[in-house]
Amino acid sequence: MATKLKNGTTNACNIGVLYGSCEVNEILRNISPRWKMQVLHSIKHGICQFSLLKEAFPSLSDQILGKRLSELVIDGLVDKAAVEGTVPQQIVYTTTKKGEELLKVIDDLHQWGMRW
């Protein structure tokens, strides 16, 4: 989540109730930050370095791109690896099996949305 919720606020209480009543809400919260699925989709299709992602999304700030990449790695949706023998060190990102399965679900959701 982009901003921290203050404990005891109505919004924080409502979110707690939603998460407690349906696990899907937590999943949606985890995948919904702006740019997260777009970055994952791009990595899946070969745009796998920070600089290439910046070219693909010029309005995306370096800070947010770095944050989304870190979240994707922590979530286990992408792997991060250094390319040996490169100076300066180059980093590439690849989708994991978990990430590819999520993208299938996102694509199904997209198809459903287009149909309805």
C-alpha atoms as a PDB file:
ATOM      1  CA  MET A   1       0.000   0.000   0.000  1.00  0.00           C
ATOM      2  CA  ALA A   2       1.349   3.415  -0.932  1.00  0.00           C
ATOM      3  CA  THR A   3       0.528   5.150   2.364  1.00  0.00           C
ATOM      4  CA  LYS A   4       0.309   3.785   5.867  1.00  0.00           C
ATOM      5  CA  LEU A   5      -3.116   3.824   7.480  1.00  0.00           C
ATOM      6  CA  LYS A   6      -3.456   5.392  10.900  1.00  0.00           C
ATOM      7  CA  ASN A   7      -4.636   2.859  13.466  1.00  0.00           C
ATOM      8  CA  GLY A   8      -8.144   3.477  14.726  1.00  0.00           C
ATOM      9  CA  THR A   9      -9.371   5.397  11.697  1.00  0.00           C
ATOM     10  CA  THR A  10     -12.618   4.403  10.020  1.00  0.00           C
ATOM     11  CA  ASN A  11     -10.711   3.485   6.858  1.00  0.00           C
ATOM     12  CA  ALA A  12      -8.325   1.219   8.789  1.00  0.00           C
ATOM     13  CA  CYS A  13     -11.259  -0.442  10.577  1.00  0.00           C
ATOM     14  CA  ASN A  14     -13.132  -0.969   7.309  1.00  0.00           C
ATOM     15  CA  ILE A  15     -10.090  -2.513   5.649  1.00  0.00           C
ATOM     16  CA  GLY A  16      -9.639  -4.831   8.633  1.00  0.00           C
ATOM     17  CA  VAL A  17     -13.244  -6.011   8.335  1.00  0.00           C
ATOM     18  CA  LEU A  18     -12.897  -6.550   4.581  1.00  0.00           C
ATOM     19  CA  TYR A  19      -9.694  -8.567   4.942  1.00  0.00           C
ATOM     20  CA  GLY A  20     -11.194 -10.605   7.758  1.00  0.00           C
ATOM     21  CA  SER A  21     -14.320 -11.458   5.783  1.00  0.00           C
ATOM     22  CA  CYS A  22     -12.750 -12.436   2.464  1.00  0.00           C
ATOM     23  CA  GLU A  23      -9.171 -13.445   1.690  1.00  0.00           C
ATOM     24  CA  VAL A  24      -9.567 -12.195  -1.882  1.00  0.00           C
ATOM     25  CA  ASN A  25      -9.422  -8.624  -0.568  1.00  0.00           C
ATOM     26  CA  GLU A  26      -5.885  -9.181   0.717  1.00  0.00           C
ATOM     27  CA  ILE A  27      -4.849 -10.684  -2.617  1.00  0.00           C
ATOM     28  CA  LEU A  28      -6.317  -7.760  -4.532  1.00  0.00           C
ATOM     29  CA  ARG A  29      -4.583  -5.282  -2.218  1.00  0.00           C
ATOM     30  CA  ASN A  30      -1.280  -7.050  -2.818  1.00  0.00           C
ATOM     31  CA  ILE A  31      -1.486  -7.001  -6.617  1.00  0.00           C
ATOM     32  CA  SER A  32      -3.258  -3.670  -7.091  1.00  0.00           C
ATOM     33  CA  PRO A  33      -0.558  -1.027  -6.510  1.00  0.00           C
ATOM     34  CA  ARG A  34      -0.234   1.172  -9.573  1.00  0.00           C
ATOM     35  CA  TRP A  35       2.212  -0.196 -12.170  1.00  0.00           C
ATOM     36  CA  LYS A  36       2.780  -3.533 -10.395  1.00  0.00           C
ATOM     37  CA  MET A  37       0.969  -5.778 -12.880  1.00  0.00           C
ATOM     38  CA  GLN A  38       2.184  -3.729 -15.852  1.00  0.00           C
ATOM     39  CA  VAL A  39       5.782  -4.226 -14.741  1.00  0.00           C
ATOM     40  CA  LEU A  40       5.208  -7.961 -14.192  1.00  0.00           C
ATOM     41  CA  HIS A  41       3.592  -8.273 -17.626  1.00  0.00           C
ATOM     42  CA  SER A  42       6.500  -6.428 -19.260  1.00  0.00           C
ATOM     43  CA  ILE A  43       9.092  -8.645 -17.584  1.00  0.00           C
ATOM     44  CA  LYS A  44       7.216 -11.700 -18.841  1.00  0.00           C
ATOM     45  CA  HIS A  45       7.488 -10.299 -22.372  1.00  0.00           C
ATOM     46  CA  GLY A  46      11.231  -9.625 -22.256  1.00  0.00           C
ATOM     47  CA  ILE A  47      11.494  -6.088 -20.911  1.00  0.00           C
ATOM     48  CA  CYS A  48      13.664  -7.338 -18.089  1.00  0.00           C
ATOM     49  CA  GLN A  49      16.050  -4.568 -17.017  1.00  0.00           C
ATOM     50  CA  PHE A  50      15.438  -1.388 -15.063  1.00  0.00           C
ATOM     51  CA  SER A  51      16.497   0.862 -17.940  1.00  0.00           C
ATOM     52  CA  LEU A  52      14.261  -0.978 -20.424  1.00  0.00           C
ATOM     53  CA  LEU A  53      11.302  -0.744 -18.056  1.00  0.00           C
ATOM     54  CA  LYS A  54      11.956   2.993 -17.715  1.00  0.00           C
ATOM     55  CA  GLU A  55      11.840   3.302 -21.510  1.00  0.00           C
ATOM     56  CA  ALA A  56       8.575   1.352 -21.618  1.00  0.00           C
ATOM     57  CA  PHE A  57       7.009   3.519 -18.883  1.00  0.00           C
ATOM     58  CA  PRO A  58       8.615   6.973 -19.137  1.00  0.00           C
ATOM     59  CA  SER A  59       6.174   8.577 -16.681  1.00  0.00           C
ATOM     60  CA  LEU A  60       7.039   6.010 -13.988  1.00  0.00           C
ATOM     61  CA  SER A  61       9.505   7.425 -11.459  1.00  0.00           C
ATOM     62  CA  ASP A  62      12.726   5.600 -10.614  1.00  0.00           C
ATOM     63  CA  GLN A  63      11.613   5.390  -6.983  1.00  0.00           C
ATOM     64  CA  ILE A  64       8.267   3.723  -7.756  1.00  0.00           C
ATOM     65  CA  LEU A  65       9.799   1.386 -10.351  1.00  0.00           C
ATOM     66  CA  GLY A  66      12.414   0.274  -7.830  1.00  0.00           C
ATOM     67  CA  LYS A  67       9.729  -0.218  -5.200  1.00  0.00           C
ATOM     68  CA  ARG A  68       7.501  -2.271  -7.522  1.00  0.00           C
ATOM     69  CA  LEU A  69      10.446  -4.438  -8.611  1.00  0.00           C
ATOM     70  CA  SER A  70      11.344  -5.071  -4.966  1.00  0.00           C
ATOM     71  CA  GLU A  71       7.731  -5.975  -4.177  1.00  0.00           C
ATOM     72  CA  LEU A  72       7.595  -8.384  -7.108  1.00  0.00           C
ATOM     73  CA  VAL A  73      10.792 -10.089  -5.910  1.00  0.00           C
ATOM     74  CA  ILE A  74       9.557 -10.272  -2.293  1.00  0.00           C
ATOM     75  CA  ASP A  75       6.204 -11.646  -3.487  1.00  0.00           C
ATOM     76  CA  GLY A  76       8.035 -14.380  -5.400  1.00  0.00           C
ATOM     77  CA  LEU A  77       6.586 -13.243  -8.728  1.00  0.00           C
ATOM     78  CA  VAL A  78       9.957 -12.392 -10.312  1.00  0.00           C
ATOM     79  CA  ASP A  79      13.551 -13.444  -9.808  1.00  0.00           C
ATOM     80  CA  LYS A  80      16.396 -10.937  -9.804  1.00  0.00           C
ATOM     81  CA  ALA A  81      19.815 -11.974 -11.095  1.00  0.00           C
ATOM     82  CA  ALA A  82      23.096 -10.241 -11.825  1.00  0.00           C
ATOM     83  CA  VAL A  83      24.617 -10.752 -15.268  1.00  0.00           C
ATOM     84  CA  GLU A  84      28.150 -11.998 -14.732  1.00  0.00           C
ATOM     85  CA  GLY A  85      30.999 -10.216 -16.438  1.00  0.00           C
ATOM     86  CA  THR A  86      29.194  -6.913 -16.879  1.00  0.00           C
ATOM     87  CA  VAL A  87      30.610  -3.614 -15.639  1.00  0.00           C
ATOM     88  CA  PRO A  88      28.705  -1.878 -14.255  1.00  0.00           C
ATOM     89  CA  GLN A  89      26.799  -4.846 -12.887  1.00  0.00           C
ATOM     90  CA  GLN A  90      23.637  -5.479 -14.902  1.00  0.00           C
ATOM     91  CA  ILE A  91      20.524  -6.870 -13.246  1.00  0.00           C
ATOM     92  CA  VAL A  92      17.860  -8.830 -15.095  1.00  0.00           C
ATOM     93  CA  TYR A  93      14.414  -9.840 -13.909  1.00  0.00           C
ATOM     94  CA  THR A  94      12.532 -12.954 -14.965  1.00  0.00           C
ATOM     95  CA  THR A  95       9.057 -14.147 -14.080  1.00  0.00           C
ATOM     96  CA  THR A  96       8.730 -17.124 -11.790  1.00  0.00           C
ATOM     97  CA  LYS A  97       6.198 -19.905 -12.187  1.00  0.00           C
ATOM     98  CA  LYS A  98       4.106 -18.140  -9.540  1.00  0.00           C
ATOM     99  CA  GLY A  99       4.278 -14.904 -11.542  1.00  0.00           C
ATOM    100  CA  GLU A 100       3.299 -16.626 -14.771  1.00  0.00           C
ATOM    101  CA  GLU A 101       0.320 -18.284 -13.063  1.00  0.00           C
ATOM    102  CA  LEU A 102      -0.807 -14.897 -11.743  1.00  0.00           C
ATOM    103  CA  LEU A 103      -0.525 -13.401 -15.217  1.00  0.00           C
ATOM    104  CA  LYS A 104      -2.819 -16.151 -16.534  1.00  0.00           C
ATOM    105  CA  VAL A 105      -5.403 -15.187 -13.926  1.00  0.00           C
ATOM    106  CA  ILE A 106      -4.991 -11.487 -14.804  1.00  0.00           C
ATOM    107  CA  ASP A 107      -5.420 -12.319 -18.501  1.00  0.00           C
ATOM    108  CA  ASP A 108      -8.593 -14.293 -17.711  1.00  0.00           C
ATOM    109  CA  LEU A 109      -9.870 -11.318 -15.723  1.00  0.00           C
ATOM    110  CA  HIS A 110      -9.053  -9.053 -18.662  1.00  0.00           C
ATOM    111  CA  GLN A 111     -10.954 -11.327 -21.050  1.00  0.00           C
ATOM    112  CA  TRP A 112     -13.928 -11.377 -18.699  1.00  0.00           C
ATOM    113  CA  GLY A 113     -13.876  -7.577 -18.518  1.00  0.00           C
ATOM    114  CA  MET A 114     -13.740  -7.250 -22.303  1.00  0.00           C
ATOM    115  CA  ARG A 115     -16.647  -9.662 -22.674  1.00  0.00           C
ATOM    116  CA  TRP A 116     -18.841  -7.867 -20.112  1.00  0.00           C
END
